[in-house]
Amino acid sequence: MGAAKIKKGDSVVVLSGKDKGRTGTVTQVMPKDGKVLVDGVNVAARHRKPTQANPQGGIDRLPAPMAIAKVALADPKDGKPTRVRFEERDGKKVRVAVKSGETIDG
């Protein structure tokens, strides 16, 4: 497995689907499934029956996992979607935004 191009805490832009164009922060990455959880994006409503733990019941709105291919890293310079490449700078392997050449971490 290579280095991850998208990591927890990254700011990403949704490229396709009902939330296209929306931005959010990655809260969880599932590399085995090829999915990511983005805060406030791809929110699914779950209707819960009243239980002893939750006597009120109601609707839970939680972000659902989405395909990692549907998101792209937001460029640190202008916030637009960008691809990621790896470079060695000062002896460290860092992620670099392809469009602007800005370092993402480090």
PDB file of N, CA and C in Angstrom:
ATOM      1  N   MET A   1       0.851  -1.194   0.000  1.00  0.00           N
ATOM      2  CA  MET A   1       0.000   0.000   0.000  1.00  0.00           C
ATOM      3  C   MET A   1       0.884   1.241   0.000  1.00  0.00           C
ATOM      4  N   GLY A   2       0.633   2.151  -0.936  1.00  0.00           N
ATOM      5  CA  GLY A   2       1.418   3.379  -1.020  1.00  0.00           C
ATOM      6  C   GLY A   2       0.962   4.410  -0.010  1.00  0.00           C
ATOM      7  N   ALA A   3       1.576   5.572  -0.076  1.00  0.00           N
ATOM      8  CA  ALA A   3       1.203   6.659   0.832  1.00  0.00           C
ATOM      9  C   ALA A   3      -0.186   7.176   0.458  1.00  0.00           C
ATOM     10  N   ALA A   4      -0.925   7.591   1.455  1.00  0.00           N
ATOM     11  CA  ALA A   4      -2.299   8.047   1.233  1.00  0.00           C
ATOM     12  C   ALA A   4      -2.305   9.462   0.664  1.00  0.00           C
ATOM     13  N   LYS A   5      -3.063   9.653  -0.416  1.00  0.00           N
ATOM     14  CA  LYS A   5      -3.171  10.984  -1.005  1.00  0.00           C
ATOM     15  C   LYS A   5      -4.193  11.829  -0.269  1.00  0.00           C
ATOM     16  N   ILE A   6      -5.196  11.184   0.336  1.00  0.00           N
ATOM     17  CA  ILE A   6      -6.187  11.891   1.145  1.00  0.00           C
ATOM     18  C   ILE A   6      -6.134  11.317   2.549  1.00  0.00           C
ATOM     19  N   LYS A   7      -6.017  12.214   3.522  1.00  0.00           N
ATOM     20  CA  LYS A   7      -5.889  11.789   4.918  1.00  0.00           C
ATOM     21  C   LYS A   7      -6.963  12.443   5.773  1.00  0.00           C
ATOM     22  N   LYS A   8      -7.119  11.934   6.991  1.00  0.00           N
ATOM     23  CA  LYS A   8      -8.059  12.498   7.959  1.00  0.00           C
ATOM     24  C   LYS A   8      -7.662  13.951   8.238  1.00  0.00           C
ATOM     25  N   GLY A   9      -8.657  14.836   8.255  1.00  0.00           N
ATOM     26  CA  GLY A   9      -8.392  16.246   8.520  1.00  0.00           C
ATOM     27  C   GLY A   9      -8.184  17.084   7.273  1.00  0.00           C
ATOM     28  N   ASP A  10      -8.076  16.440   6.114  1.00  0.00           N
ATOM     29  CA  ASP A  10      -7.902  17.181   4.863  1.00  0.00           C
ATOM     30  C   ASP A  10      -9.194  17.883   4.469  1.00  0.00           C
ATOM     31  N   SER A  11      -9.052  19.016   3.793  1.00  0.00           N
ATOM     32  CA  SER A  11     -10.191  19.719   3.225  1.00  0.00           C
ATOM     33  C   SER A  11     -10.363  19.206   1.795  1.00  0.00           C
ATOM     34  N   VAL A  12     -11.567  18.693   1.480  1.00  0.00           N
ATOM     35  CA  VAL A  12     -11.797  18.108   0.161  1.00  0.00           C
ATOM     36  C   VAL A  12     -13.008  18.738  -0.519  1.00  0.00           C
ATOM     37  N   VAL A  13     -13.052  18.595  -1.859  1.00  0.00           N
ATOM     38  CA  VAL A  13     -14.164  19.079  -2.679  1.00  0.00           C
ATOM     39  C   VAL A  13     -14.817  17.859  -3.310  1.00  0.00           C
ATOM     40  N   VAL A  14     -16.153  17.794  -3.279  1.00  0.00           N
ATOM     41  CA  VAL A  14     -16.884  16.682  -3.889  1.00  0.00           C
ATOM     42  C   VAL A  14     -16.982  16.928  -5.386  1.00  0.00           C
ATOM     43  N   LEU A  15     -16.608  15.923  -6.184  1.00  0.00           N
ATOM     44  CA  LEU A  15     -16.548  16.079  -7.635  1.00  0.00           C
ATOM     45  C   LEU A  15     -17.833  15.666  -8.350  1.00  0.00           C
ATOM     46  N   SER A  16     -18.607  14.740  -7.772  1.00  0.00           N
ATOM     47  CA  SER A  16     -19.804  14.268  -8.464  1.00  0.00           C
ATOM     48  C   SER A  16     -20.867  13.850  -7.461  1.00  0.00           C
ATOM     49  N   GLY A  17     -22.088  13.700  -7.968  1.00  0.00           N
ATOM     50  CA  GLY A  17     -23.203  13.277  -7.130  1.00  0.00           C
ATOM     51  C   GLY A  17     -24.033  14.458  -6.655  1.00  0.00           C
ATOM     52  N   LYS A  18     -24.957  14.190  -5.718  1.00  0.00           N
ATOM     53  CA  LYS A  18     -25.894  15.225  -5.265  1.00  0.00           C
ATOM     54  C   LYS A  18     -25.211  16.359  -4.513  1.00  0.00           C
ATOM     55  N   ASP A  19     -24.029  16.106  -3.952  1.00  0.00           N
ATOM     56  CA  ASP A  19     -23.297  17.128  -3.202  1.00  0.00           C
ATOM     57  C   ASP A  19     -22.150  17.738  -4.006  1.00  0.00           C
ATOM     58  N   LYS A  20     -22.197  17.629  -5.330  1.00  0.00           N
ATOM     59  CA  LYS A  20     -21.123  18.134  -6.186  1.00  0.00           C
ATOM     60  C   LYS A  20     -20.812  19.601  -5.888  1.00  0.00           C
ATOM     61  N   GLY A  21     -19.512  19.901  -5.740  1.00  0.00           N
ATOM     62  CA  GLY A  21     -19.075  21.267  -5.488  1.00  0.00           C
ATOM     63  C   GLY A  21     -18.964  21.625  -4.014  1.00  0.00           C
ATOM     64  N   ARG A  22     -19.556  20.809  -3.130  1.00  0.00           N
ATOM     65  CA  ARG A  22     -19.501  21.107  -1.698  1.00  0.00           C
ATOM     66  C   ARG A  22     -18.134  20.733  -1.139  1.00  0.00           C
ATOM     67  N   THR A  23     -17.715  21.451  -0.118  1.00  0.00           N
ATOM     68  CA  THR A  23     -16.435  21.166   0.518  1.00  0.00           C
ATOM     69  C   THR A  23     -16.681  20.725   1.958  1.00  0.00           C
ATOM     70  N   GLY A  24     -15.742  19.958   2.477  1.00  0.00           N
ATOM     71  CA  GLY A  24     -15.851  19.489   3.853  1.00  0.00           C
ATOM     72  C   GLY A  24     -14.523  18.926   4.307  1.00  0.00           C
ATOM     73  N   THR A  25     -14.485  18.531   5.569  1.00  0.00           N
ATOM     74  CA  THR A  25     -13.280  17.977   6.163  1.00  0.00           C
ATOM     75  C   THR A  25     -13.434  16.475   6.298  1.00  0.00           C
ATOM     76  N   VAL A  26     -12.399  15.733   5.944  1.00  0.00           N
ATOM     77  CA  VAL A  26     -12.417  14.278   6.049  1.00  0.00           C
ATOM     78  C   VAL A  26     -12.343  13.905   7.530  1.00  0.00           C
ATOM     79  N   THR A  27     -13.338  13.113   7.991  1.00  0.00           N
ATOM     80  CA  THR A  27     -13.346  12.683   9.390  1.00  0.00           C
ATOM     81  C   THR A  27     -12.840  11.256   9.540  1.00  0.00           C
ATOM     82  N   GLN A  28     -12.921  10.457   8.465  1.00  0.00           N
ATOM     83  CA  GLN A  28     -12.452   9.075   8.531  1.00  0.00           C
ATOM     84  C   GLN A  28     -12.114   8.610   7.126  1.00  0.00           C
ATOM     85  N   VAL A  29     -11.051   7.815   7.007  1.00  0.00           N
ATOM     86  CA  VAL A  29     -10.664   7.214   5.726  1.00  0.00           C
ATOM     87  C   VAL A  29     -10.708   5.705   5.888  1.00  0.00           C
ATOM     88  N   MET A  30     -11.354   5.029   4.920  1.00  0.00           N
ATOM     89  CA  MET A  30     -11.432   3.563   4.942  1.00  0.00           C
ATOM     90  C   MET A  30     -10.722   3.024   3.704  1.00  0.00           C
ATOM     91  N   PRO A  31      -9.389   2.853   3.781  1.00  0.00           N
ATOM     92  CA  PRO A  31      -8.636   2.476   2.582  1.00  0.00           C
ATOM     93  C   PRO A  31      -9.000   1.108   2.012  1.00  0.00           C
ATOM     94  N   LYS A  32      -9.380   0.161   2.870  1.00  0.00           N
ATOM     95  CA  LYS A  32      -9.738  -1.180   2.376  1.00  0.00           C
ATOM     96  C   LYS A  32     -10.999  -1.135   1.533  1.00  0.00           C
ATOM     97  N   ASP A  33     -11.957  -0.270   1.922  1.00  0.00           N
ATOM     98  CA  ASP A  33     -13.213  -0.137   1.180  1.00  0.00           C
ATOM     99  C   ASP A  33     -13.133   0.921   0.086  1.00  0.00           C
ATOM    100  N   GLY A  34     -12.077   1.745   0.104  1.00  0.00           N
ATOM    101  CA  GLY A  34     -11.948   2.833  -0.865  1.00  0.00           C
ATOM    102  C   GLY A  34     -12.972   3.930  -0.611  1.00  0.00           C
ATOM    103  N   LYS A  35     -13.260   4.186   0.662  1.00  0.00           N
ATOM    104  CA  LYS A  35     -14.283   5.176   1.000  1.00  0.00           C
ATOM    105  C   LYS A  35     -13.754   6.196   2.008  1.00  0.00           C
ATOM    106  N   VAL A  36     -14.426   7.352   2.033  1.00  0.00           N
ATOM    107  CA  VAL A  36     -14.102   8.400   3.011  1.00  0.00           C
ATOM    108  C   VAL A  36     -15.396   8.904   3.630  1.00  0.00           C
ATOM    109  N   LEU A  37     -15.268   9.438   4.835  1.00  0.00           N
ATOM    110  CA  LEU A  37     -16.380  10.076   5.527  1.00  0.00           C
ATOM    111  C   LEU A  37     -16.067  11.559   5.565  1.00  0.00           C
ATOM    112  N   VAL A  38     -16.941  12.384   4.958  1.00  0.00           N
ATOM    113  CA  VAL A  38     -16.713  13.822   4.906  1.00  0.00           C
ATOM    114  C   VAL A  38     -17.788  14.511   5.737  1.00  0.00           C
ATOM    115  N   ASP A  39     -17.363  15.369   6.651  1.00  0.00           N
ATOM    116  CA  ASP A  39     -18.276  16.052   7.560  1.00  0.00           C
ATOM    117  C   ASP A  39     -19.244  16.952   6.801  1.00  0.00           C
ATOM    118  N   GLY A  40     -20.544  16.744   6.996  1.00  0.00           N
ATOM    119  CA  GLY A  40     -21.571  17.591   6.397  1.00  0.00           C
ATOM    120  C   GLY A  40     -21.880  17.307   4.939  1.00  0.00           C
ATOM    121  N   VAL A  41     -21.299  16.248   4.383  1.00  0.00           N
ATOM    122  CA  VAL A  41     -21.522  15.899   2.980  1.00  0.00           C
ATOM    123  C   VAL A  41     -22.044  14.461   2.922  1.00  0.00           C
ATOM    124  N   ASN A  42     -22.963  14.182   1.979  1.00  0.00           N
ATOM    125  CA  ASN A  42     -23.551  12.849   1.814  1.00  0.00           C
ATOM    126  C   ASN A  42     -24.245  12.424   3.111  1.00  0.00           C
ATOM    127  N   VAL A  43     -25.064  13.314   3.648  1.00  0.00           N
ATOM    128  CA  VAL A  43     -25.740  13.063   4.920  1.00  0.00           C
ATOM    129  C   VAL A  43     -26.963  12.182   4.676  1.00  0.00           C
ATOM    130  N   ALA A  44     -27.037  11.077   5.418  1.00  0.00           N
ATOM    131  CA  ALA A  44     -28.152  10.142   5.312  1.00  0.00           C
ATOM    132  C   ALA A  44     -29.032  10.277   6.546  1.00  0.00           C
ATOM    133  N   ALA A  45     -30.349  10.279   6.345  1.00  0.00           N
ATOM    134  CA  ALA A  45     -31.297  10.365   7.454  1.00  0.00           C
ATOM    135  C   ALA A  45     -31.748   8.954   7.819  1.00  0.00           C
ATOM    136  N   ARG A  46     -31.593   8.598   9.071  1.00  0.00           N
ATOM    137  CA  ARG A  46     -32.031   7.298   9.563  1.00  0.00           C
ATOM    138  C   ARG A  46     -33.204   7.521  10.518  1.00  0.00           C
ATOM    139  N   HIS A  47     -34.331   6.901  10.218  1.00  0.00           N
ATOM    140  CA  HIS A  47     -35.505   7.017  11.082  1.00  0.00           C
ATOM    141  C   HIS A  47     -35.383   5.970  12.177  1.00  0.00           C
ATOM    142  N   ARG A  48     -35.313   6.421  13.429  1.00  0.00           N
ATOM    143  CA  ARG A  48     -35.129   5.521  14.569  1.00  0.00           C
ATOM    144  C   ARG A  48     -36.438   5.350  15.329  1.00  0.00           C
ATOM    145  N   LYS A  49     -36.764   4.090  15.639  1.00  0.00           N
ATOM    146  CA  LYS A  49     -37.922   3.799  16.480  1.00  0.00           C
ATOM    147  C   LYS A  49     -37.574   4.141  17.924  1.00  0.00           C
ATOM    148  N   PRO A  50     -38.559   4.485  18.730  1.00  0.00           N
ATOM    149  CA  PRO A  50     -38.264   4.699  20.146  1.00  0.00           C
ATOM    150  C   PRO A  50     -37.772   3.402  20.803  1.00  0.00           C
ATOM    151  N   THR A  51     -36.687   3.510  21.565  1.00  0.00           N
ATOM    152  CA  THR A  51     -36.150   2.376  22.310  1.00  0.00           C
ATOM    153  C   THR A  51     -35.994   2.811  23.761  1.00  0.00           C
ATOM    154  N   GLN A  52     -35.580   1.875  24.608  1.00  0.00           N
ATOM    155  CA  GLN A  52     -35.377   2.253  26.004  1.00  0.00           C
ATOM    156  C   GLN A  52     -34.211   3.224  26.129  1.00  0.00           C
ATOM    157  N   ALA A  53     -33.191   3.032  25.309  1.00  0.00           N
ATOM    158  CA  ALA A  53     -32.044   3.942  25.336  1.00  0.00           C
ATOM    159  C   ALA A  53     -32.426   5.321  24.796  1.00  0.00           C
ATOM    160  N   ASN A  54     -33.295   5.346  23.782  1.00  0.00           N
ATOM    161  CA  ASN A  54     -33.736   6.598  23.171  1.00  0.00           C
ATOM    162  C   ASN A  54     -35.271   6.581  23.102  1.00  0.00           C
ATOM    163  N   PRO A  55     -35.956   6.926  24.198  1.00  0.00           N
ATOM    164  CA  PRO A  55     -37.418   6.808  24.217  1.00  0.00           C
ATOM    165  C   PRO A  55     -38.137   7.742  23.240  1.00  0.00           C
ATOM    166  N   GLN A  56     -37.448   8.824  22.826  1.00  0.00           N
ATOM    167  CA  GLN A  56     -38.072   9.781  21.922  1.00  0.00           C
ATOM    168  C   GLN A  56     -38.092   9.259  20.481  1.00  0.00           C
ATOM    169  N   GLY A  57     -37.064   8.480  20.093  1.00  0.00           N
ATOM    170  CA  GLY A  57     -36.960   8.066  18.693  1.00  0.00           C
ATOM    171  C   GLY A  57     -36.555   9.261  17.850  1.00  0.00           C
ATOM    172  N   GLY A  58     -36.949   9.299  16.597  1.00  0.00           N
ATOM    173  CA  GLY A  58     -36.686  10.469  15.758  1.00  0.00           C
ATOM    174  C   GLY A  58     -35.812  10.144  14.563  1.00  0.00           C
ATOM    175  N   ILE A  59     -35.281  11.190  13.952  1.00  0.00           N
ATOM    176  CA  ILE A  59     -34.481  11.052  12.733  1.00  0.00           C
ATOM    177  C   ILE A  59     -33.038  11.419  13.052  1.00  0.00           C
ATOM    178  N   ASP A  60     -32.117  10.485  12.789  1.00  0.00           N
ATOM    179  CA  ASP A  60     -30.682  10.740  12.961  1.00  0.00           C
ATOM    180  C   ASP A  60     -30.096  11.085  11.608  1.00  0.00           C
ATOM    181  N   ARG A  61     -29.413  12.210  11.533  1.00  0.00           N
ATOM    182  CA  ARG A  61     -28.748  12.598  10.283  1.00  0.00           C
ATOM    183  C   ARG A  61     -27.248  12.411  10.471  1.00  0.00           C
ATOM    184  N   LEU A  62     -26.693  11.424   9.759  1.00  0.00           N
ATOM    185  CA  LEU A  62     -25.275  11.099   9.882  1.00  0.00           C
ATOM    186  C   LEU A  62     -24.634  11.059   8.506  1.00  0.00           C
ATOM    187  N   PRO A  63     -23.363  11.504   8.394  1.00  0.00           N
ATOM    188  CA  PRO A  63     -22.692  11.402   7.106  1.00  0.00           C
ATOM    189  C   PRO A  63     -22.445   9.946   6.747  1.00  0.00           C
ATOM    190  N   ALA A  64     -22.749   9.577   5.511  1.00  0.00           N
ATOM    191  CA  ALA A  64     -22.529   8.214   5.022  1.00  0.00           C
ATOM    192  C   ALA A  64     -21.202   8.177   4.267  1.00  0.00           C
ATOM    193  N   PRO A  65     -20.530   7.022   4.263  1.00  0.00           N
ATOM    194  CA  PRO A  65     -19.273   6.928   3.510  1.00  0.00           C
ATOM    195  C   PRO A  65     -19.510   7.144   2.015  1.00  0.00           C
ATOM    196  N   MET A  66     -18.528   7.762   1.352  1.00  0.00           N
ATOM    197  CA  MET A  66     -18.628   7.947  -0.094  1.00  0.00           C
ATOM    198  C   MET A  66     -17.317   7.507  -0.744  1.00  0.00           C
ATOM    199  N   ALA A  67     -17.376   7.202  -2.019  1.00  0.00           N
ATOM    200  CA  ALA A  67     -16.201   6.707  -2.732  1.00  0.00           C
ATOM    201  C   ALA A  67     -15.099   7.765  -2.726  1.00  0.00           C
ATOM    202  N   ILE A  68     -13.876   7.316  -2.481  1.00  0.00           N
ATOM    203  CA  ILE A  68     -12.734   8.231  -2.404  1.00  0.00           C
ATOM    204  C   ILE A  68     -12.481   8.893  -3.764  1.00  0.00           C
ATOM    205  N   ALA A  69     -12.912   8.227  -4.849  1.00  0.00           N
ATOM    206  CA  ALA A  69     -12.730   8.780  -6.190  1.00  0.00           C
ATOM    207  C   ALA A  69     -13.639   9.977  -6.451  1.00  0.00           C
ATOM    208  N   LYS A  70     -14.688  10.134  -5.639  1.00  0.00           N
ATOM    209  CA  LYS A  70     -15.628  11.244  -5.822  1.00  0.00           C
ATOM    210  C   LYS A  70     -15.163  12.528  -5.159  1.00  0.00           C
ATOM    211  N   VAL A  71     -14.044  12.470  -4.399  1.00  0.00           N
ATOM    212  CA  VAL A  71     -13.536  13.672  -3.752  1.00  0.00           C
ATOM    213  C   VAL A  71     -12.124  13.970  -4.229  1.00  0.00           C
ATOM    214  N   ALA A  72     -11.780  15.245  -4.219  1.00  0.00           N
ATOM    215  CA  ALA A  72     -10.429  15.683  -4.560  1.00  0.00           C
ATOM    216  C   ALA A  72      -9.983  16.669  -3.501  1.00  0.00           C
ATOM    217  N   LEU A  73      -8.712  16.694  -3.233  1.00  0.00           N
ATOM    218  CA  LEU A  73      -8.165  17.605  -2.240  1.00  0.00           C
ATOM    219  C   LEU A  73      -8.385  19.052  -2.678  1.00  0.00           C
ATOM    220  N   ALA A  74      -8.761  19.917  -1.736  1.00  0.00           N
ATOM    221  CA  ALA A  74      -8.922  21.337  -2.036  1.00  0.00           C
ATOM    222  C   ALA A  74      -7.533  21.973  -2.042  1.00  0.00           C
ATOM    223  N   ASP A  75      -7.226  22.713  -3.094  1.00  0.00           N
ATOM    224  CA  ASP A  75      -5.924  23.374  -3.212  1.00  0.00           C
ATOM    225  C   ASP A  75      -5.761  24.385  -2.077  1.00  0.00           C
ATOM    226  N   PRO A  76      -4.641  24.348  -1.335  1.00  0.00           N
ATOM    227  CA  PRO A  76      -4.467  25.290  -0.232  1.00  0.00           C
ATOM    228  C   PRO A  76      -4.463  26.753  -0.682  1.00  0.00           C
ATOM    229  N   LYS A  77      -4.147  26.991  -1.957  1.00  0.00           N
ATOM    230  CA  LYS A  77      -4.053  28.363  -2.459  1.00  0.00           C
ATOM    231  C   LYS A  77      -5.421  28.967  -2.770  1.00  0.00           C
ATOM    232  N   ASP A  78      -6.254  28.232  -3.560  1.00  0.00           N
ATOM    233  CA  ASP A  78      -7.538  28.815  -3.985  1.00  0.00           C
ATOM    234  C   ASP A  78      -8.771  27.978  -3.627  1.00  0.00           C
ATOM    235  N   GLY A  79      -8.589  26.800  -3.018  1.00  0.00           N
ATOM    236  CA  GLY A  79      -9.731  25.990  -2.598  1.00  0.00           C
ATOM    237  C   GLY A  79     -10.366  25.165  -3.692  1.00  0.00           C
ATOM    238  N   LYS A  80      -9.818  25.231  -4.922  1.00  0.00           N
ATOM    239  CA  LYS A  80     -10.359  24.439  -6.022  1.00  0.00           C
ATOM    240  C   LYS A  80      -9.815  23.013  -5.950  1.00  0.00           C
ATOM    241  N   PRO A  81     -10.517  22.034  -6.564  1.00  0.00           N
ATOM    242  CA  PRO A  81     -10.023  20.660  -6.507  1.00  0.00           C
ATOM    243  C   PRO A  81      -8.690  20.506  -7.234  1.00  0.00           C
ATOM    244  N   THR A  82      -7.809  19.684  -6.684  1.00  0.00           N
ATOM    245  CA  THR A  82      -6.514  19.441  -7.302  1.00  0.00           C
ATOM    246  C   THR A  82      -6.089  18.003  -7.085  1.00  0.00           C
ATOM    247  N   ARG A  83      -5.220  17.516  -7.952  1.00  0.00           N
ATOM    248  CA  ARG A  83      -4.617  16.208  -7.764  1.00  0.00           C
ATOM    249  C   ARG A  83      -3.414  16.371  -6.846  1.00  0.00           C
ATOM    250  N   VAL A  84      -2.884  15.238  -6.399  1.00  0.00           N
ATOM    251  CA  VAL A  84      -1.782  15.261  -5.440  1.00  0.00           C
ATOM    252  C   VAL A  84      -0.603  14.484  -6.000  1.00  0.00           C
ATOM    253  N   ARG A  85       0.584  15.035  -5.811  1.00  0.00           N
ATOM    254  CA  ARG A  85       1.798  14.279  -6.141  1.00  0.00           C
ATOM    255  C   ARG A  85       2.704  14.313  -4.917  1.00  0.00           C
ATOM    256  N   PHE A  86       3.692  13.440  -4.914  1.00  0.00           N
ATOM    257  CA  PHE A  86       4.615  13.370  -3.787  1.00  0.00           C
ATOM    258  C   PHE A  86       5.976  13.882  -4.221  1.00  0.00           C
ATOM    259  N   GLU A  87       6.587  14.684  -3.358  1.00  0.00           N
ATOM    260  CA  GLU A  87       7.933  15.205  -3.611  1.00  0.00           C
ATOM    261  C   GLU A  87       8.744  15.057  -2.340  1.00  0.00           C
ATOM    262  N   GLU A  88      10.055  15.092  -2.510  1.00  0.00           N
ATOM    263  CA  GLU A  88      10.918  15.082  -1.339  1.00  0.00           C
ATOM    264  C   GLU A  88      11.445  16.497  -1.154  1.00  0.00           C
ATOM    265  N   ARG A  89      11.055  17.098  -0.050  1.00  0.00           N
ATOM    266  CA  ARG A  89      11.506  18.454   0.268  1.00  0.00           C
ATOM    267  C   ARG A  89      12.150  18.429   1.647  1.00  0.00           C
ATOM    268  N   ASP A  90      13.373  18.932   1.730  1.00  0.00           N
ATOM    269  CA  ASP A  90      14.151  18.940   2.978  1.00  0.00           C
ATOM    270  C   ASP A  90      14.257  17.533   3.570  1.00  0.00           C
ATOM    271  N   GLY A  91      14.406  16.537   2.694  1.00  0.00           N
ATOM    272  CA  GLY A  91      14.586  15.162   3.156  1.00  0.00           C
ATOM    273  C   GLY A  91      13.312  14.487   3.627  1.00  0.00           C
ATOM    274  N   LYS A  92      12.150  15.149   3.469  1.00  0.00           N
ATOM    275  CA  LYS A  92      10.882  14.560   3.886  1.00  0.00           C
ATOM    276  C   LYS A  92       9.985  14.383   2.673  1.00  0.00           C
ATOM    277  N   LYS A  93       9.233  13.278   2.659  1.00  0.00           N
ATOM    278  CA  LYS A  93       8.272  13.039   1.589  1.00  0.00           C
ATOM    279  C   LYS A  93       7.007  13.816   1.933  1.00  0.00           C
ATOM    280  N   VAL A  94       6.631  14.764   1.089  1.00  0.00           N
ATOM    281  CA  VAL A  94       5.462  15.600   1.350  1.00  0.00           C
ATOM    282  C   VAL A  94       4.480  15.536   0.189  1.00  0.00           C
ATOM    283  N   ARG A  95       3.217  15.839   0.491  1.00  0.00           N
ATOM    284  CA  ARG A  95       2.194  15.913  -0.553  1.00  0.00           C
ATOM    285  C   ARG A  95       2.196  17.321  -1.133  1.00  0.00           C
ATOM    286  N   VAL A  96       2.079  17.389  -2.455  1.00  0.00           N
ATOM    287  CA  VAL A  96       2.128  18.676  -3.155  1.00  0.00           C
ATOM    288  C   VAL A  96       0.914  18.765  -4.087  1.00  0.00           C
ATOM    289  N   ALA A  97       0.229  19.921  -4.080  1.00  0.00           N
ATOM    290  CA  ALA A  97      -0.882  20.149  -4.983  1.00  0.00           C
ATOM    291  C   ALA A  97      -0.346  20.312  -6.395  1.00  0.00           C
ATOM    292  N   VAL A  98      -0.893  19.533  -7.339  1.00  0.00           N
ATOM    293  CA  VAL A  98      -0.389  19.546  -8.727  1.00  0.00           C
ATOM    294  C   VAL A  98      -0.591  20.909  -9.383  1.00  0.00           C
ATOM    295  N   LYS A  99      -1.755  21.544  -9.185  1.00  0.00           N
ATOM    296  CA  LYS A  99      -2.067  22.786  -9.896  1.00  0.00           C
ATOM    297  C   LYS A  99      -1.215  23.967  -9.437  1.00  0.00           C
ATOM    298  N   SER A 100      -1.058  24.131  -8.098  1.00  0.00           N
ATOM    299  CA  SER A 100      -0.360  25.321  -7.607  1.00  0.00           C
ATOM    300  C   SER A 100       1.067  25.048  -7.156  1.00  0.00           C
ATOM    301  N   GLY A 101       1.395  23.771  -6.909  1.00  0.00           N
ATOM    302  CA  GLY A 101       2.725  23.444  -6.400  1.00  0.00           C
ATOM    303  C   GLY A 101       2.876  23.711  -4.918  1.00  0.00           C
ATOM    304  N   GLU A 102       1.765  24.016  -4.226  1.00  0.00           N
ATOM    305  CA  GLU A 102       1.788  24.284  -2.788  1.00  0.00           C
ATOM    306  C   GLU A 102       1.964  22.985  -2.013  1.00  0.00           C
ATOM    307  N   THR A 103       2.727  23.040  -0.937  1.00  0.00           N
ATOM    308  CA  THR A 103       2.882  21.885  -0.056  1.00  0.00           C
ATOM    309  C   THR A 103       1.629  21.759   0.795  1.00  0.00           C
ATOM    310  N   ILE A 104       1.090  20.524   0.912  1.00  0.00           N
ATOM    311  CA  ILE A 104      -0.126  20.307   1.663  1.00  0.00           C
ATOM    312  C   ILE A 104       0.177  20.027   3.129  1.00  0.00           C
ATOM    313  N   ASP A 105       1.194  19.196   3.384  1.00  0.00           N
ATOM    314  CA  ASP A 105       1.571  18.950   4.777  1.00  0.00           C
ATOM    315  C   ASP A 105       3.047  19.225   4.955  1.00  0.00           C
ATOM    316  N   GLY A 106       3.384  19.862   6.061  1.00  0.00           N
ATOM    317  CA  GLY A 106       4.786  20.144   6.326  1.00  0.00           C
ATOM    318  C   GLY A 106       5.113  21.611   6.387  1.00  0.00           C
TER     319      GLY A 106
END
